[in-house]
Amino acid sequence: MPTYEFVCTRCEKPFSVRTSIGEKDLVRCPHCDAGSPRQVFRSCNFMRGGSGGCEAPPRSGFG
């Protein structure tokens, strides 16, 4: 289940929630119980399957 980052639109406190994508719109602030928090998008890391080792990202061909 994915973890989503939010900031409350009422109390402005950040929080994280593990929920399904279908229930993401039902999230409420755990601090003040307000509905409709603003989702925050942060960078994320992806791992490719395979040999289990680390791989460098593919080159874009620029530079």
PDB file of N, CA and C in Angstrom:
ATOM      1  N   MET A   1       0.852  -1.169   0.000  1.00  0.00           N
ATOM      2  CA  MET A   1       0.000   0.000   0.000  1.00  0.00           C
ATOM      3  C   MET A   1       0.907   1.245   0.000  1.00  0.00           C
ATOM      4  N   PRO A   2       0.628   2.212  -0.854  1.00  0.00           N
ATOM      5  CA  PRO A   2       1.500   3.393  -0.935  1.00  0.00           C
ATOM      6  C   PRO A   2       1.321   4.354   0.238  1.00  0.00           C
ATOM      7  N   THR A   3       2.350   5.132   0.487  1.00  0.00           N
ATOM      8  CA  THR A   3       2.311   6.184   1.505  1.00  0.00           C
ATOM      9  C   THR A   3       2.180   7.521   0.795  1.00  0.00           C
ATOM     10  N   TYR A   4       1.239   8.329   1.233  1.00  0.00           N
ATOM     11  CA  TYR A   4       1.000   9.644   0.652  1.00  0.00           C
ATOM     12  C   TYR A   4       1.351  10.720   1.672  1.00  0.00           C
ATOM     13  N   GLU A   5       1.908  11.809   1.191  1.00  0.00           N
ATOM     14  CA  GLU A   5       2.262  12.954   2.031  1.00  0.00           C
ATOM     15  C   GLU A   5       1.203  14.039   1.831  1.00  0.00           C
ATOM     16  N   PHE A   6       0.770  14.625   2.947  1.00  0.00           N
ATOM     17  CA  PHE A   6      -0.242  15.680   2.900  1.00  0.00           C
ATOM     18  C   PHE A   6       0.166  16.836   3.800  1.00  0.00           C
ATOM     19  N   VAL A   7      -0.473  17.990   3.571  1.00  0.00           N
ATOM     20  CA  VAL A   7      -0.413  19.136   4.480  1.00  0.00           C
ATOM     21  C   VAL A   7      -1.859  19.541   4.712  1.00  0.00           C
ATOM     22  N   CYS A   8      -2.216  19.724   5.969  1.00  0.00           N
ATOM     23  CA  CYS A   8      -3.584  20.098   6.304  1.00  0.00           C
ATOM     24  C   CYS A   8      -3.857  21.530   5.851  1.00  0.00           C
ATOM     25  N   THR A   9      -5.016  21.747   5.251  1.00  0.00           N
ATOM     26  CA  THR A   9      -5.380  23.083   4.803  1.00  0.00           C
ATOM     27  C   THR A   9      -5.906  23.948   5.951  1.00  0.00           C
ATOM     28  N   ARG A  10      -6.214  23.341   7.098  1.00  0.00           N
ATOM     29  CA  ARG A  10      -6.690  24.116   8.246  1.00  0.00           C
ATOM     30  C   ARG A  10      -5.547  24.429   9.221  1.00  0.00           C
ATOM     31  N   CYS A  11      -4.877  23.389   9.746  1.00  0.00           N
ATOM     32  CA  CYS A  11      -3.831  23.613  10.753  1.00  0.00           C
ATOM     33  C   CYS A  11      -2.433  23.686  10.148  1.00  0.00           C
ATOM     34  N   GLU A  12      -2.301  23.375   8.849  1.00  0.00           N
ATOM     35  CA  GLU A  12      -1.045  23.459   8.083  1.00  0.00           C
ATOM     36  C   GLU A  12       0.056  22.521   8.570  1.00  0.00           C
ATOM     37  N   LYS A  13      -0.316  21.457   9.280  1.00  0.00           N
ATOM     38  CA  LYS A  13       0.675  20.476   9.732  1.00  0.00           C
ATOM     39  C   LYS A  13       0.837  19.387   8.676  1.00  0.00           C
ATOM     40  N   PRO A  14       2.081  18.969   8.415  1.00  0.00           N
ATOM     41  CA  PRO A  14       2.311  17.880   7.464  1.00  0.00           C
ATOM     42  C   PRO A  14       2.062  16.525   8.130  1.00  0.00           C
ATOM     43  N   PHE A  15       1.643  15.544   7.319  1.00  0.00           N
ATOM     44  CA  PHE A  15       1.467  14.185   7.826  1.00  0.00           C
ATOM     45  C   PHE A  15       1.515  13.196   6.671  1.00  0.00           C
ATOM     46  N   SER A  16       1.757  11.945   6.989  1.00  0.00           N
ATOM     47  CA  SER A  16       1.830  10.853   6.017  1.00  0.00           C
ATOM     48  C   SER A  16       0.740   9.838   6.320  1.00  0.00           C
ATOM     49  N   VAL A  17       0.207   9.238   5.271  1.00  0.00           N
ATOM     50  CA  VAL A  17      -0.844   8.231   5.431  1.00  0.00           C
ATOM     51  C   VAL A  17      -0.587   7.081   4.467  1.00  0.00           C
ATOM     52  N   ARG A  18      -0.673   5.861   4.971  1.00  0.00           N
ATOM     53  CA  ARG A  18      -0.629   4.670   4.105  1.00  0.00           C
ATOM     54  C   ARG A  18      -2.065   4.281   3.819  1.00  0.00           C
ATOM     55  N   THR A  19      -2.449   4.384   2.554  1.00  0.00           N
ATOM     56  CA  THR A  19      -3.822   4.059   2.170  1.00  0.00           C
ATOM     57  C   THR A  19      -3.846   3.666   0.701  1.00  0.00           C
ATOM     58  N   SER A  20      -4.923   3.071   0.285  1.00  0.00           N
ATOM     59  CA  SER A  20      -5.054   2.710  -1.126  1.00  0.00           C
ATOM     60  C   SER A  20      -5.365   3.961  -1.938  1.00  0.00           C
ATOM     61  N   ILE A  21      -5.102   3.896  -3.225  1.00  0.00           N
ATOM     62  CA  ILE A  21      -5.368   5.043  -4.088  1.00  0.00           C
ATOM     63  C   ILE A  21      -6.868   5.349  -4.137  1.00  0.00           C
ATOM     64  N   GLY A  22      -7.692   4.350  -3.980  1.00  0.00           N
ATOM     65  CA  GLY A  22      -9.139   4.542  -3.992  1.00  0.00           C
ATOM     66  C   GLY A  22      -9.672   5.263  -2.769  1.00  0.00           C
ATOM     67  N   GLU A  23      -8.941   5.190  -1.658  1.00  0.00           N
ATOM     68  CA  GLU A  23      -9.389   5.839  -0.425  1.00  0.00           C
ATOM     69  C   GLU A  23      -8.584   7.093  -0.094  1.00  0.00           C
ATOM     70  N   LYS A  24      -7.715   7.507  -1.002  1.00  0.00           N
ATOM     71  CA  LYS A  24      -6.875   8.683  -0.779  1.00  0.00           C
ATOM     72  C   LYS A  24      -7.702   9.951  -0.574  1.00  0.00           C
ATOM     73  N   ASP A  25      -8.839  10.056  -1.263  1.00  0.00           N
ATOM     74  CA  ASP A  25      -9.681  11.248  -1.147  1.00  0.00           C
ATOM     75  C   ASP A  25     -10.463  11.304   0.169  1.00  0.00           C
ATOM     76  N   LEU A  26     -10.440  10.234   0.953  1.00  0.00           N
ATOM     77  CA  LEU A  26     -11.156  10.193   2.227  1.00  0.00           C
ATOM     78  C   LEU A  26     -10.269  10.547   3.414  1.00  0.00           C
ATOM     79  N   VAL A  27      -9.006  10.872   3.164  1.00  0.00           N
ATOM     80  CA  VAL A  27      -8.041  11.137   4.234  1.00  0.00           C
ATOM     81  C   VAL A  27      -8.427  12.394   5.003  1.00  0.00           C
ATOM     82  N   ARG A  28      -8.280  12.320   6.331  1.00  0.00           N
ATOM     83  CA  ARG A  28      -8.538  13.454   7.222  1.00  0.00           C
ATOM     84  C   ARG A  28      -7.276  13.734   8.023  1.00  0.00           C
ATOM     85  N   CYS A  29      -7.099  14.958   8.431  1.00  0.00           N
ATOM     86  CA  CYS A  29      -5.930  15.347   9.214  1.00  0.00           C
ATOM     87  C   CYS A  29      -5.961  14.654  10.576  1.00  0.00           C
ATOM     88  N   PRO A  30      -4.873  13.994  10.976  1.00  0.00           N
ATOM     89  CA  PRO A  30      -4.843  13.333  12.284  1.00  0.00           C
ATOM     90  C   PRO A  30      -4.696  14.324  13.444  1.00  0.00           C
ATOM     91  N   HIS A  31      -4.363  15.570  13.146  1.00  0.00           N
ATOM     92  CA  HIS A  31      -4.155  16.575  14.190  1.00  0.00           C
ATOM     93  C   HIS A  31      -5.445  17.327  14.532  1.00  0.00           C
ATOM     94  N   CYS A  32      -6.212  17.728  13.502  1.00  0.00           N
ATOM     95  CA  CYS A  32      -7.414  18.526  13.756  1.00  0.00           C
ATOM     96  C   CYS A  32      -8.674  17.935  13.128  1.00  0.00           C
ATOM     97  N   ASP A  33      -8.560  16.794  12.451  1.00  0.00           N
ATOM     98  CA  ASP A  33      -9.667  16.062  11.833  1.00  0.00           C
ATOM     99  C   ASP A  33     -10.315  16.795  10.659  1.00  0.00           C
ATOM    100  N   ALA A  34      -9.627  17.765  10.083  1.00  0.00           N
ATOM    101  CA  ALA A  34     -10.161  18.458   8.907  1.00  0.00           C
ATOM    102  C   ALA A  34     -10.078  17.542   7.693  1.00  0.00           C
ATOM    103  N   GLY A  35     -11.032  17.682   6.786  1.00  0.00           N
ATOM    104  CA  GLY A  35     -11.022  16.921   5.543  1.00  0.00           C
ATOM    105  C   GLY A  35     -10.347  17.712   4.439  1.00  0.00           C
ATOM    106  N   SER A  36     -10.151  17.097   3.320  1.00  0.00           N
ATOM    107  CA  SER A  36      -9.571  17.721   2.119  1.00  0.00           C
ATOM    108  C   SER A  36      -8.174  18.299   2.331  1.00  0.00           C
ATOM    109  N   PRO A  37      -7.218  17.497   2.837  1.00  0.00           N
ATOM    110  CA  PRO A  37      -5.844  17.993   2.934  1.00  0.00           C
ATOM    111  C   PRO A  37      -5.239  18.125   1.538  1.00  0.00           C
ATOM    112  N   ARG A  38      -4.187  18.892   1.434  1.00  0.00           N
ATOM    113  CA  ARG A  38      -3.490  19.097   0.155  1.00  0.00           C
ATOM    114  C   ARG A  38      -2.373  18.067   0.051  1.00  0.00           C
ATOM    115  N   GLN A  39      -2.355  17.311  -1.039  1.00  0.00           N
ATOM    116  CA  GLN A  39      -1.314  16.310  -1.229  1.00  0.00           C
ATOM    117  C   GLN A  39      -0.010  16.993  -1.622  1.00  0.00           C
ATOM    118  N   VAL A  40       1.090  16.516  -1.035  1.00  0.00           N
ATOM    119  CA  VAL A  40       2.419  17.046  -1.319  1.00  0.00           C
ATOM    120  C   VAL A  40       3.179  15.985  -2.096  1.00  0.00           C
ATOM    121  N   PHE A  41       3.790  16.383  -3.195  1.00  0.00           N
ATOM    122  CA  PHE A  41       4.554  15.451  -4.006  1.00  0.00           C
ATOM    123  C   PHE A  41       6.033  15.660  -3.751  1.00  0.00           C
ATOM    124  N   ARG A  42       6.714  14.603  -3.382  1.00  0.00           N
ATOM    125  CA  ARG A  42       8.144  14.640  -3.108  1.00  0.00           C
ATOM    126  C   ARG A  42       8.835  13.690  -4.084  1.00  0.00           C
ATOM    127  N   SER A  43      10.145  13.783  -4.140  1.00  0.00           N
ATOM    128  CA  SER A  43      10.870  12.862  -5.003  1.00  0.00           C
ATOM    129  C   SER A  43      10.769  11.453  -4.437  1.00  0.00           C
ATOM    130  N   CYS A  44      10.932  10.482  -5.298  1.00  0.00           N
ATOM    131  CA  CYS A  44      10.869   9.093  -4.851  1.00  0.00           C
ATOM    132  C   CYS A  44      11.920   8.284  -5.590  1.00  0.00           C
ATOM    133  N   ASN A  45      12.224   7.151  -5.040  1.00  0.00           N
ATOM    134  CA  ASN A  45      13.212   6.249  -5.629  1.00  0.00           C
ATOM    135  C   ASN A  45      12.513   4.998  -6.128  1.00  0.00           C
ATOM    136  N   PHE A  46      12.969   4.514  -7.269  1.00  0.00           N
ATOM    137  CA  PHE A  46      12.435   3.281  -7.824  1.00  0.00           C
ATOM    138  C   PHE A  46      13.573   2.291  -7.974  1.00  0.00           C
ATOM    139  N   MET A  47      13.295   1.032  -7.696  1.00  0.00           N
ATOM    140  CA  MET A  47      14.290  -0.021  -7.901  1.00  0.00           C
ATOM    141  C   MET A  47      13.805  -0.906  -9.027  1.00  0.00           C
ATOM    142  N   ARG A  48      14.710  -1.216  -9.907  1.00  0.00           N
ATOM    143  CA  ARG A  48      14.389  -2.169 -10.960  1.00  0.00           C
ATOM    144  C   ARG A  48      14.791  -3.551 -10.494  1.00  0.00           C
ATOM    145  N   GLY A  49      14.001  -4.519 -10.848  1.00  0.00           N
ATOM    146  CA  GLY A  49      14.332  -5.893 -10.502  1.00  0.00           C
ATOM    147  C   GLY A  49      15.514  -6.374 -11.311  1.00  0.00           C
ATOM    148  N   GLY A  50      16.022  -7.506 -10.944  1.00  0.00           N
ATOM    149  CA  GLY A  50      17.149  -8.047 -11.692  1.00  0.00           C
ATOM    150  C   GLY A  50      18.146  -8.678 -10.756  1.00  0.00           C
ATOM    151  N   SER A  51      19.404  -8.334 -10.949  1.00  0.00           N
ATOM    152  CA  SER A  51      20.482  -8.987 -10.220  1.00  0.00           C
ATOM    153  C   SER A  51      20.577  -8.560  -8.763  1.00  0.00           C
ATOM    154  N   GLY A  52      19.840  -7.543  -8.376  1.00  0.00           N
ATOM    155  CA  GLY A  52      19.897  -7.096  -6.984  1.00  0.00           C
ATOM    156  C   GLY A  52      20.939  -6.029  -6.749  1.00  0.00           C
ATOM    157  N   GLY A  53      21.726  -5.711  -7.750  1.00  0.00           N
ATOM    158  CA  GLY A  53      22.734  -4.670  -7.612  1.00  0.00           C
ATOM    159  C   GLY A  53      22.172  -3.308  -7.974  1.00  0.00           C
ATOM    160  N   CYS A  54      22.958  -2.290  -7.737  1.00  0.00           N
ATOM    161  CA  CYS A  54      22.552  -0.930  -8.079  1.00  0.00           C
ATOM    162  C   CYS A  54      22.914  -0.638  -9.526  1.00  0.00           C
ATOM    163  N   GLU A  55      22.071   0.105 -10.176  1.00  0.00           N
ATOM    164  CA  GLU A  55      22.329   0.504 -11.548  1.00  0.00           C
ATOM    165  C   GLU A  55      22.237   2.017 -11.658  1.00  0.00           C
ATOM    166  N   ALA A  56      23.065   2.590 -12.505  1.00  0.00           N
ATOM    167  CA  ALA A  56      22.978   4.013 -12.770  1.00  0.00           C
ATOM    168  C   ALA A  56      21.783   4.272 -13.682  1.00  0.00           C
ATOM    169  N   PRO A  57      21.158   5.458 -13.559  1.00  0.00           N
ATOM    170  CA  PRO A  57      20.044   5.745 -14.471  1.00  0.00           C
ATOM    171  C   PRO A  57      20.540   5.843 -15.904  1.00  0.00           C
ATOM    172  N   PRO A  58      19.673   5.574 -16.876  1.00  0.00           N
ATOM    173  CA  PRO A  58      20.113   5.640 -18.273  1.00  0.00           C
ATOM    174  C   PRO A  58      20.482   7.054 -18.669  1.00  0.00           C
ATOM    175  N   ARG A  59      21.450   7.174 -19.547  1.00  0.00           N
ATOM    176  CA  ARG A  59      21.871   8.494 -20.014  1.00  0.00           C
ATOM    177  C   ARG A  59      20.857   9.032 -20.991  1.00  0.00           C
ATOM    178  N   SER A  60      20.657  10.347 -20.961  1.00  0.00           N
ATOM    179  CA  SER A  60      19.637  10.942 -21.826  1.00  0.00           C
ATOM    180  C   SER A  60      20.160  11.212 -23.226  1.00  0.00           C
ATOM    181  N   GLY A  61      21.476  11.211 -23.412  1.00  0.00           N
ATOM    182  CA  GLY A  61      22.028  11.503 -24.710  1.00  0.00           C
ATOM    183  C   GLY A  61      22.372  12.963 -24.900  1.00  0.00           C
ATOM    184  N   PHE A  62      22.043  13.791 -23.908  1.00  0.00           N
ATOM    185  CA  PHE A  62      22.388  15.209 -23.975  1.00  0.00           C
ATOM    186  C   PHE A  62      23.688  15.440 -23.209  1.00  0.00           C
ATOM    187  N   GLY A  63      24.476  16.391 -23.660  1.00  0.00           N
ATOM    188  CA  GLY A  63      25.677  16.783 -22.918  1.00  0.00           C
ATOM    189  C   GLY A  63      26.813  15.953 -23.281  1.00  0.00           C
TER     190      GLY A  63
END
